[in-house]
Every structure is written in C-alpha cells, then in structure tokens.
Amino acid sequence: MQSQFNRALADTLYRAAVVPVLTPETPEDGVEIARALVRGGLDLIEVTLRTPAALEAIRLIRQQVPQARVGAGTVLSPEQGAQAIATGARFIVSPGMTPRLMEAAEAWGVPFLPGAATASEAMALSDLGYACLKFFPAEAAGGVAALKAFAAPLSGITFCPTGGIDPDNVRDYLALPNVVAVGGSWLAPRKAVAEGQWARITGLAEDAAALRRRG
C-alpha cells in the first residue's frame, strides 16, 4: 500500500516544487503562517513535530485553512505518526528510517516519505517499495553534488531534499532530474513570524510558487 501512496506523493511533490517546513511556537502562529503561504500560492505544508504546539497547529490548520494540505514532519516513531494522523496530517515525513517506522507505515492510511542520506539507505528503502525519499540533511550530506552522483546508479529513486536549502541554492536543486521538490524553512523566517509580518511570508511564498516547473 505504501508504495502506491509513495508514488502518488511523488507526483504531488513534483507539482508543488517547494514545500514550506514549519516549526510553529504556537498553534495560532501555525494557522497564520499557513494562511500567508496559501495566499502566496503554496498549499502543501509540512509542520515538524519539534515543538509542543505542532499537533494542535496541524489540527487548527485543517480546520481553519482548508485549502492547505498539511502533513507532519520529524516523525521519529510509530506513536508520533499515529498521533499526527489522528490530528489530521495528510502525509508523514521522517528524517530517516527505522524498522518500527517502516512496519507501522504499512498500516497508515496516508503517504509516508522516509529519509535517507546515503546510497545504502536509499537502496534499502527502495527494496521496501519507496521510490521517493527525503534527502536529509541535504547540504550537510553533500547537497547538489551528492544528488548528481546518485542519479545514475539510483536511477529509479527521486528525492525531496531538505536541510540548508534557501533562495540562493533552491534553483540548483530543482534543476536536478532526480529531485521532485525541495523542503525549506526560509519561507517562514522566525523574525517575520514573531513580528506578525504575514505579508512578507506571502511574498516569499509567491517567489517560491514561481519556481514550479512548466508542463
């Protein structure tokens, strides 16, 4: 089942090109950021489970920003995945993989994007039916050069790199044939969120939405 979900998620990621990665300090911040991003043309959003506000933020975004397709990131255990899905997450993202996560994911009714940083990890996940993976931490793991090196030997695998991606290098990543999308936190700067600069976040989203591939 997850192999089918994973292929569908790859298509969704390709159409989105850029996925905002949010770490809201309050659920209300999460809602306001989501509204600003949707106004700017980005509706596929990942909320990381790094703060106590994350699950409630996902729930409120589902309720109050219905245009947003919100998922949960930094999922490290089956329990976290189940909690996120119960709260309304429409997809699950992990920075890596564990046997428990892979087993639990087969029972989830939403797509799962596991993470890999090496060729061996990518091959192991491919053996389990995952053809689209998160590449994390992208810049620290070799960035564009590493993904270029993966392209030929791992020709059946595509990636959504996250970690260290910003406006200065995002086009380099999206130009790679084995990259379906990128994840980035630059779309919701902490200062902008703290000061309620929602129009600035909308502007950043508009710039990112313009990076979508044509055709």
Protein backbone atom coordinates (compact mmCIF):
# COMPACT_ATOMS: atom_id res chain seq x y z
CA MET A 1 0.00 0.00 0.00
CA GLN A 2 2.72 2.49 0.94
CA SER A 3 4.46 2.00 -2.40
CA GLN A 4 1.30 3.29 -4.13
CA PHE A 5 0.93 6.12 -1.64
CA ASN A 6 4.60 7.00 -2.08
CA ARG A 7 4.27 7.22 -5.86
CA ALA A 8 1.22 9.45 -5.51
CA LEU A 9 3.09 11.67 -3.06
CA ALA A 10 5.98 11.97 -5.52
CA ASP A 11 3.55 13.33 -8.11
CA THR A 12 2.12 15.77 -5.58
CA LEU A 13 5.59 16.94 -4.59
CA TYR A 14 6.61 17.43 -8.21
CA ARG A 15 3.62 19.68 -8.85
CA ALA A 16 4.33 21.67 -5.67
CA ALA A 17 8.12 22.03 -6.26
CA VAL A 18 8.61 23.79 -2.91
CA VAL A 19 7.26 22.55 0.43
CA PRO A 20 7.38 25.00 3.35
CA VAL A 21 8.70 23.35 6.51
CA LEU A 22 7.20 24.98 9.60
CA THR A 23 8.15 24.80 13.28
CA PRO A 24 5.48 26.98 14.92
CA GLU A 25 5.90 28.04 18.54
CA THR A 26 2.12 28.31 18.99
CA PRO A 27 -0.81 26.70 17.15
CA GLU A 28 -2.06 30.17 16.26
CA ASP A 29 1.24 31.00 14.60
CA GLY A 30 0.90 27.84 12.56
CA VAL A 31 -2.52 28.92 11.32
CA GLU A 32 -1.35 32.43 10.39
CA ILE A 33 1.71 31.09 8.58
CA ALA A 34 -0.44 28.60 6.67
CA ARG A 35 -2.85 31.36 5.64
CA ALA A 36 0.01 33.52 4.42
CA LEU A 37 1.55 30.66 2.46
CA VAL A 38 -1.73 29.70 0.81
CA ARG A 39 -2.27 33.33 -0.21
CA GLY A 40 1.13 33.18 -1.86
CA GLY A 41 0.30 30.03 -3.79
CA LEU A 42 1.83 27.30 -1.62
CA ASP A 43 -0.73 24.90 -0.18
CA LEU A 44 1.41 21.80 0.53
CA ILE A 45 2.82 22.38 4.02
CA GLU A 46 4.88 20.31 6.46
CA VAL A 47 4.62 21.04 10.19
CA THR A 48 7.51 19.49 12.08
CA LEU A 49 6.86 17.75 15.40
CA ARG A 50 9.64 19.70 17.11
CA THR A 51 7.54 21.86 19.41
CA PRO A 52 4.65 21.14 21.80
CA ALA A 53 2.45 23.27 19.54
CA ALA A 54 2.88 21.11 16.45
CA LEU A 55 -0.01 18.67 16.71
CA GLU A 56 -2.51 21.34 17.69
CA ALA A 57 -1.20 23.50 14.85
CA ILE A 58 -1.91 20.70 12.40
CA ARG A 59 -5.43 20.29 13.80
CA LEU A 60 -6.20 24.01 13.59
CA ILE A 61 -4.75 24.36 10.10
CA ARG A 62 -7.00 21.56 8.90
CA GLN A 63 -9.99 23.33 10.48
CA GLN A 64 -9.23 26.95 9.69
CA VAL A 65 -7.20 26.80 6.47
CA PRO A 66 -8.99 24.10 4.48
CA GLN A 67 -7.11 25.00 1.30
CA ALA A 68 -3.87 23.81 2.90
CA ARG A 69 -2.69 20.22 2.55
CA VAL A 70 -0.81 19.83 5.80
CA GLY A 71 1.43 16.96 6.84
CA ALA A 72 3.64 16.14 9.80
CA GLY A 73 7.43 16.13 9.68
CA THR A 74 10.21 14.98 12.00
CA VAL A 75 8.19 11.87 12.81
CA LEU A 76 10.54 9.56 14.69
CA SER A 77 8.26 6.81 15.98
CA PRO A 78 5.09 4.91 15.08
CA GLU A 79 3.37 6.59 18.03
CA GLN A 80 4.13 10.06 16.71
CA GLY A 81 2.90 9.05 13.27
CA ALA A 82 -0.38 7.75 14.68
CA GLN A 83 -0.88 10.92 16.72
CA ALA A 84 -0.24 13.12 13.70
CA ILE A 85 -2.66 11.19 11.52
CA ALA A 86 -5.34 11.32 14.24
CA THR A 87 -4.83 15.08 14.40
CA GLY A 88 -5.37 15.46 10.66
CA ALA A 89 -1.97 15.11 8.98
CA ARG A 90 -2.40 14.15 5.33
CA PHE A 91 1.13 12.83 4.91
CA ILE A 92 4.03 11.84 7.17
CA VAL A 93 7.71 12.73 6.78
CA SER A 94 10.68 11.35 8.70
CA PRO A 95 14.32 12.43 8.60
CA GLY A 96 15.33 8.77 8.47
CA MET A 97 14.04 5.23 8.79
CA THR A 98 13.74 2.54 11.46
CA PRO A 99 12.31 -0.98 11.26
CA ARG A 100 9.44 0.03 13.58
CA LEU A 101 8.56 3.04 11.45
CA MET A 102 8.61 1.06 8.23
CA GLU A 103 6.37 -1.63 9.70
CA ALA A 104 3.90 0.86 11.16
CA ALA A 105 3.73 2.88 7.96
CA GLU A 106 2.17 -0.05 6.10
CA ALA A 107 -0.95 0.39 8.23
CA TRP A 108 -1.16 4.16 7.83
CA GLY A 109 -3.83 5.46 5.51
CA VAL A 110 -1.68 8.38 4.37
CA PRO A 111 1.56 8.59 2.36
CA PHE A 112 4.91 8.29 4.12
CA LEU A 113 8.14 9.96 2.99
CA PRO A 114 11.09 8.36 4.81
CA GLY A 115 14.53 9.94 4.82
CA ALA A 116 17.88 8.80 3.50
CA ALA A 117 21.33 10.40 3.49
CA THR A 118 23.39 7.64 1.83
CA ALA A 119 23.17 5.35 -1.16
CA SER A 120 22.80 2.32 1.11
CA GLU A 121 19.85 3.85 2.95
CA ALA A 122 18.20 4.82 -0.32
CA MET A 123 18.68 1.30 -1.69
CA ALA A 124 17.22 -0.27 1.45
CA LEU A 125 14.13 1.94 1.22
CA SER A 126 13.79 1.23 -2.49
CA ASP A 127 13.76 -2.50 -1.69
CA LEU A 128 10.77 -1.80 0.57
CA GLY A 129 8.88 -0.09 -2.26
CA TYR A 130 9.76 3.54 -1.59
CA ALA A 131 10.79 5.23 -4.83
CA CYS A 132 10.59 8.79 -3.48
CA LEU A 133 12.62 9.75 -0.42
CA LYS A 134 13.51 12.72 1.69
CA PHE A 135 17.21 13.58 1.36
CA PHE A 136 18.29 14.93 4.74
CA PRO A 137 20.27 16.83 5.84
CA ALA A 138 20.68 17.94 2.23
CA GLU A 139 23.55 20.41 2.38
CA ALA A 140 25.44 18.57 5.13
CA ALA A 141 25.06 15.26 3.26
CA GLY A 142 26.65 16.57 0.09
CA GLY A 143 23.93 18.72 -1.43
CA VAL A 144 23.58 19.07 -5.17
CA ALA A 145 26.82 17.21 -5.84
CA ALA A 146 25.66 14.15 -3.90
CA LEU A 147 22.31 14.04 -5.66
CA LYS A 148 24.01 14.34 -9.04
CA ALA A 149 26.19 11.37 -8.09
CA PHE A 150 23.13 9.36 -7.05
CA ALA A 151 21.28 9.99 -10.33
CA ALA A 152 22.85 7.27 -12.50
CA PRO A 153 23.29 4.36 -10.06
CA LEU A 154 19.99 5.08 -8.27
CA SER A 155 18.06 5.93 -11.42
CA GLY A 156 14.73 4.68 -10.09
CA ILE A 157 14.75 6.87 -6.97
CA THR A 158 13.71 10.50 -6.63
CA PHE A 159 14.30 12.83 -3.72
CA CYS A 160 12.87 15.75 -1.80
CA PRO A 161 15.99 17.37 -0.29
CA THR A 162 15.58 19.34 2.93
CA GLY A 163 18.10 20.99 5.19
CA GLY A 164 20.14 24.06 4.32
CA ILE A 165 18.12 24.95 1.23
CA ASP A 166 17.42 28.65 0.67
CA PRO A 167 16.74 31.12 -2.16
CA ASP A 168 20.42 31.06 -3.15
CA ASN A 169 20.57 27.33 -3.96
CA VAL A 170 16.96 26.22 -4.46
CA ARG A 171 17.13 26.51 -8.26
CA ASP A 172 20.23 24.31 -8.36
CA TYR A 173 18.32 21.55 -6.56
CA LEU A 174 15.16 21.86 -8.65
CA ALA A 175 17.22 21.63 -11.84
CA LEU A 176 18.24 18.06 -10.97
CA PRO A 177 16.23 15.33 -12.73
CA ASN A 178 16.05 13.17 -9.59
CA VAL A 179 14.63 15.97 -7.40
CA VAL A 180 10.83 16.18 -7.30
CA ALA A 181 10.66 19.05 -4.81
CA VAL A 182 12.56 20.75 -2.01
CA GLY A 183 11.59 21.43 1.58
CA GLY A 184 12.58 24.68 3.19
CA SER A 185 12.16 26.72 6.33
CA TRP A 186 13.21 30.01 4.72
CA LEU A 187 9.57 30.66 3.77
CA ALA A 188 8.60 31.45 7.37
CA PRO A 189 11.51 33.37 8.96
CA ARG A 190 11.36 33.42 12.74
CA LYS A 191 11.59 37.22 12.88
CA ALA A 192 8.73 37.60 10.42
CA VAL A 193 6.58 35.20 12.44
CA ALA A 194 7.44 36.85 15.76
CA GLU A 195 6.52 40.28 14.36
CA GLY A 196 3.42 39.09 12.51
CA GLN A 197 4.83 40.01 9.11
CA TRP A 198 2.38 37.78 7.26
CA ALA A 199 2.59 39.83 4.06
CA ARG A 200 6.33 39.14 3.93
CA ILE A 201 5.70 35.39 4.19
CA THR A 202 3.12 35.66 1.41
CA GLY A 203 5.71 37.40 -0.75
CA LEU A 204 8.26 34.67 -0.11
CA ALA A 205 5.61 32.08 -0.99
CA GLU A 206 4.84 33.87 -4.26
CA ASP A 207 8.52 33.80 -5.19
CA ALA A 208 8.72 30.08 -4.37
CA ALA A 209 5.49 29.27 -6.25
CA ALA A 210 7.05 30.82 -9.35
CA LEU A 211 9.69 28.07 -9.29
CA ARG A 212 7.22 25.38 -10.32
CA ARG A 213 8.16 23.51 -13.47
CA ARG A 214 6.15 24.15 -16.57
CA GLY A 215 4.49 21.31 -18.35
